[in-house]
C-alpha atoms as a PDB file:
ATOM      1  CA  UNK A   1     -19.446 118.649 106.997  1.00  0.00           C
ATOM      2  CA  UNK A   2     -19.779 119.036 103.362  1.00  0.00           C
ATOM      3  CA  UNK A   3     -23.082 118.526 101.409  1.00  0.00           C
ATOM      4  CA  UNK A   4     -22.300 115.035 100.382  1.00  0.00           C
ATOM      5  CA  UNK A   5     -21.661 113.877 104.053  1.00  0.00           C
ATOM      6  CA  UNK A   6     -24.631 116.004 105.197  1.00  0.00           C
ATOM      7  CA  UNK A   7     -26.993 114.174 102.651  1.00  0.00           C
ATOM      8  CA  UNK A   8     -25.620 110.754 103.324  1.00  0.00           C
ATOM      9  CA  UNK A   9     -26.188 111.249 107.008  1.00  0.00           C
ATOM     10  CA  UNK A  10     -29.762 112.824 106.525  1.00  0.00           C
ATOM     11  CA  UNK A  11     -30.575 109.663 104.217  1.00  0.00           C
ATOM     12  CA  UNK A  12     -29.435 107.276 106.906  1.00  0.00           C
ATOM     13  CA  UNK A  13     -31.545 109.008 109.501  1.00  0.00           C
ATOM     14  CA  UNK A  14     -34.450 109.037 107.327  1.00  0.00           C
ATOM     15  CA  UNK A  15     -34.264 105.163 106.747  1.00  0.00           C
ATOM     16  CA  UNK A  16     -34.054 104.694 110.510  1.00  0.00           C
ATOM     17  CA  UNK A  17     -37.204 106.875 111.407  1.00  0.00           C
ATOM     18  CA  UNK A  18     -39.444 106.970 108.284  1.00  0.00           C
ATOM     19  CA  UNK A  19     -42.640 104.799 108.855  1.00  0.00           C
ATOM     20  CA  UNK A  20     -45.222 103.521 106.341  1.00  0.00           C
ATOM     21  CA  UNK A  21     -47.342 106.539 105.215  1.00  0.00           C
ATOM     22  CA  UNK A  22     -44.830 109.113 105.915  1.00  0.00           C
ATOM     23  CA  UNK A  23     -43.788 111.595 102.947  1.00  0.00           C
ATOM     24  CA  UNK A  24     -40.029 110.857 102.282  1.00  0.00           C
ATOM     25  CA  UNK A  25     -39.270 114.409 101.147  1.00  0.00           C
ATOM     26  CA  UNK A  26     -40.800 116.157 104.218  1.00  0.00           C
ATOM     27  CA  UNK A  27     -38.950 113.593 106.481  1.00  0.00           C
ATOM     28  CA  UNK A  28     -35.655 114.051 104.671  1.00  0.00           C
ATOM     29  CA  UNK A  29     -36.022 117.755 104.827  1.00  0.00           C
ATOM     30  CA  UNK A  30     -36.474 117.419 108.711  1.00  0.00           C
ATOM     31  CA  UNK A  31     -33.446 115.078 108.785  1.00  0.00           C
ATOM     32  CA  UNK A  32     -31.298 117.316 106.981  1.00  0.00           C
ATOM     33  CA  UNK A  33     -32.269 120.144 109.349  1.00  0.00           C
ATOM     34  CA  UNK A  34     -31.535 117.928 112.300  1.00  0.00           C
ATOM     35  CA  UNK A  35     -28.235 116.776 111.248  1.00  0.00           C
ATOM     36  CA  UNK A  36     -27.169 120.486 110.211  1.00  0.00           C
ATOM     37  CA  UNK A  37     -28.075 121.823 113.576  1.00  0.00           C
ATOM     38  CA  UNK A  38     -26.274 118.972 115.358  1.00  0.00           C
ATOM     39  CA  UNK A  39     -29.267 117.433 117.019  1.00  0.00           C
ATOM     40  CA  UNK A  40     -28.228 114.008 115.821  1.00  0.00           C
ATOM     41  CA  UNK A  41     -24.965 112.525 115.104  1.00  0.00           C
ATOM     42  CA  UNK A  42     -24.316 110.697 111.710  1.00  0.00           C
ATOM     43  CA  UNK A  43     -25.635 107.149 111.937  1.00  0.00           C
ATOM     44  CA  UNK A  44     -23.347 104.121 111.626  1.00  0.00           C
ATOM     45  CA  UNK A  45     -23.899 101.932 108.681  1.00  0.00           C
ATOM     46  CA  UNK A  46     -24.851  98.268 109.391  1.00  0.00           C
ATOM     47  CA  UNK A  47     -21.620  97.006 107.902  1.00  0.00           C
ATOM     48  CA  UNK A  48     -19.566  99.284 110.219  1.00  0.00           C
ATOM     49  CA  UNK A  49     -21.763  98.161 113.185  1.00  0.00           C
ATOM     50  CA  UNK A  50     -21.024  94.557 112.583  1.00  0.00           C
ATOM     51  CA  UNK A  51     -17.438  95.164 112.104  1.00  0.00           C
ATOM     52  CA  UNK A  52     -17.260  97.149 115.381  1.00  0.00           C
ATOM     53  CA  UNK A  53     -18.506  94.203 117.480  1.00  0.00           C
ATOM     54  CA  UNK A  54     -16.005  91.964 115.928  1.00  0.00           C
ATOM     55  CA  UNK A  55     -17.546  90.587 112.729  1.00  0.00           C
ATOM     56  CA  UNK A  56     -14.986  88.883 110.185  1.00  0.00           C
ATOM     57  CA  UNK A  57     -15.138  89.896 106.520  1.00  0.00           C
ATOM     58  CA  UNK A  58     -15.132  87.244 103.734  1.00  0.00           C
ATOM     59  CA  UNK A  59     -15.066  88.017 100.009  1.00  0.00           C
ATOM     60  CA  UNK A  60     -14.832  85.381  97.291  1.00  0.00           C
ATOM     61  CA  UNK A  61     -16.523  84.740  93.740  1.00  0.00           C
ATOM     62  CA  UNK A  62     -18.203  88.045  93.882  1.00  0.00           C
ATOM     63  CA  UNK A  63     -19.708  87.673  97.278  1.00  0.00           C
ATOM     64  CA  UNK A  64     -18.981  89.963 100.194  1.00  0.00           C
ATOM     65  CA  UNK A  65     -20.138  89.080 103.648  1.00  0.00           C
ATOM     66  CA  UNK A  66     -19.443  90.034 107.228  1.00  0.00           C
ATOM     67  CA  UNK A  67     -19.727  86.625 109.544  1.00  0.00           C
ATOM     68  CA  UNK A  68     -20.600  87.036 113.267  1.00  0.00           C
ATOM     69  CA  UNK A  69     -21.163  84.931 116.119  1.00  0.00           C
ATOM     70  CA  UNK A  70     -24.808  84.634 117.830  1.00  0.00           C
ATOM     71  CA  UNK A  71     -23.572  86.794 120.571  1.00  0.00           C
ATOM     72  CA  UNK A  72     -22.388  89.528 118.025  1.00  0.00           C
ATOM     73  CA  UNK A  73     -25.854  89.054 116.369  1.00  0.00           C
ATOM     74  CA  UNK A  74     -27.425  89.620 119.594  1.00  0.00           C
ATOM     75  CA  UNK A  75     -25.557  92.939 120.187  1.00  0.00           C
ATOM     76  CA  UNK A  76     -26.262  94.314 116.681  1.00  0.00           C
ATOM     77  CA  UNK A  77     -29.961  93.505 116.528  1.00  0.00           C
ATOM     78  CA  UNK A  78     -30.834  93.695 120.251  1.00  0.00           C
ATOM     79  CA  UNK A  79     -32.330  90.207 120.119  1.00  0.00           C
ATOM     80  CA  UNK A  80     -31.809  87.565 122.955  1.00  0.00           C
ATOM     81  CA  UNK A  81     -31.397  84.386 120.526  1.00  0.00           C
ATOM     82  CA  UNK A  82     -29.769  81.307 122.330  1.00  0.00           C
ATOM     83  CA  UNK A  83     -28.526  79.428 119.300  1.00  0.00           C
ATOM     84  CA  UNK A  84     -25.670  77.147 118.707  1.00  0.00           C
ATOM     85  CA  UNK A  85     -22.661  78.895 116.877  1.00  0.00           C
ATOM     86  CA  UNK A  86     -21.606  75.526 115.533  1.00  0.00           C
ATOM     87  CA  UNK A  87     -24.854  74.836 113.642  1.00  0.00           C
ATOM     88  CA  UNK A  88     -25.831  78.405 112.928  1.00  0.00           C
ATOM     89  CA  UNK A  89     -23.765  80.595 110.312  1.00  0.00           C
ATOM     90  CA  UNK A  90     -25.002  84.140 110.787  1.00  0.00           C
ATOM     91  CA  UNK A  91     -23.755  86.877 108.345  1.00  0.00           C
ATOM     92  CA  UNK A  92     -24.419  90.124 106.823  1.00  0.00           C
ATOM     93  CA  UNK A  93     -24.763  90.160 103.019  1.00  0.00           C
ATOM     94  CA  UNK A  94     -23.659  93.249 101.260  1.00  0.00           C
ATOM     95  CA  UNK A  95     -25.772  92.335  98.021  1.00  0.00           C
ATOM     96  CA  UNK A  96     -29.029  91.683  99.937  1.00  0.00           C
ATOM     97  CA  UNK A  97     -28.398  94.311 102.520  1.00  0.00           C
ATOM     98  CA  UNK A  98     -29.512  92.000 105.178  1.00  0.00           C
ATOM     99  CA  UNK A  99     -28.632  89.758 108.075  1.00  0.00           C
ATOM    100  CA  UNK A 100     -28.957  86.093 107.063  1.00  0.00           C
ATOM    101  CA  UNK A 101     -28.808  82.867 108.994  1.00  0.00           C
ATOM    102  CA  UNK A 102     -28.034  79.484 107.697  1.00  0.00           C
ATOM    103  CA  UNK A 103     -28.853  76.465 109.994  1.00  0.00           C
ATOM    104  CA  UNK A 104     -26.899  73.206 109.270  1.00  0.00           C
ATOM    105  CA  UNK A 105     -25.675  74.247 105.947  1.00  0.00           C
ATOM    106  CA  UNK A 106     -29.166  74.707 104.575  1.00  0.00           C
ATOM    107  CA  UNK A 107     -30.311  77.780 102.430  1.00  0.00           C
ATOM    108  CA  UNK A 108     -29.817  80.987 104.389  1.00  0.00           C
ATOM    109  CA  UNK A 109     -32.971  82.833 105.537  1.00  0.00           C
ATOM    110  CA  UNK A 110     -33.205  86.423 106.102  1.00  0.00           C
ATOM    111  CA  UNK A 111     -33.174  87.523 109.758  1.00  0.00           C
ATOM    112  CA  UNK A 112     -33.105  91.385 109.253  1.00  0.00           C
ATOM    113  CA  UNK A 113     -33.667  93.284 106.156  1.00  0.00           C
ATOM    114  CA  UNK A 114     -32.157  96.775 105.826  1.00  0.00           C
END
């Protein structure tokens, strides 16, 4: 693992474990050590996770999104929503770095922010 991969993995780990009030520098140093010594495996990005459960990529007019079903959304987030796939459009938006849900074609609302 080169330094670039090490730092990317450490930053992903910090974002997953840091809490309000924690010092980012100290947490980052501990995460570098943990990744370097092999205590943790590199964390998969949310986009890769959505794609691994079967999400479909859509790109048009400068927008890039990954659409998913309710079952796929529940797998990614650990929720147990029982929504109608026909009325709910759930997608990961790269620009917002969030999973959004649009009900009956209305303005999308943020479900999970990363």
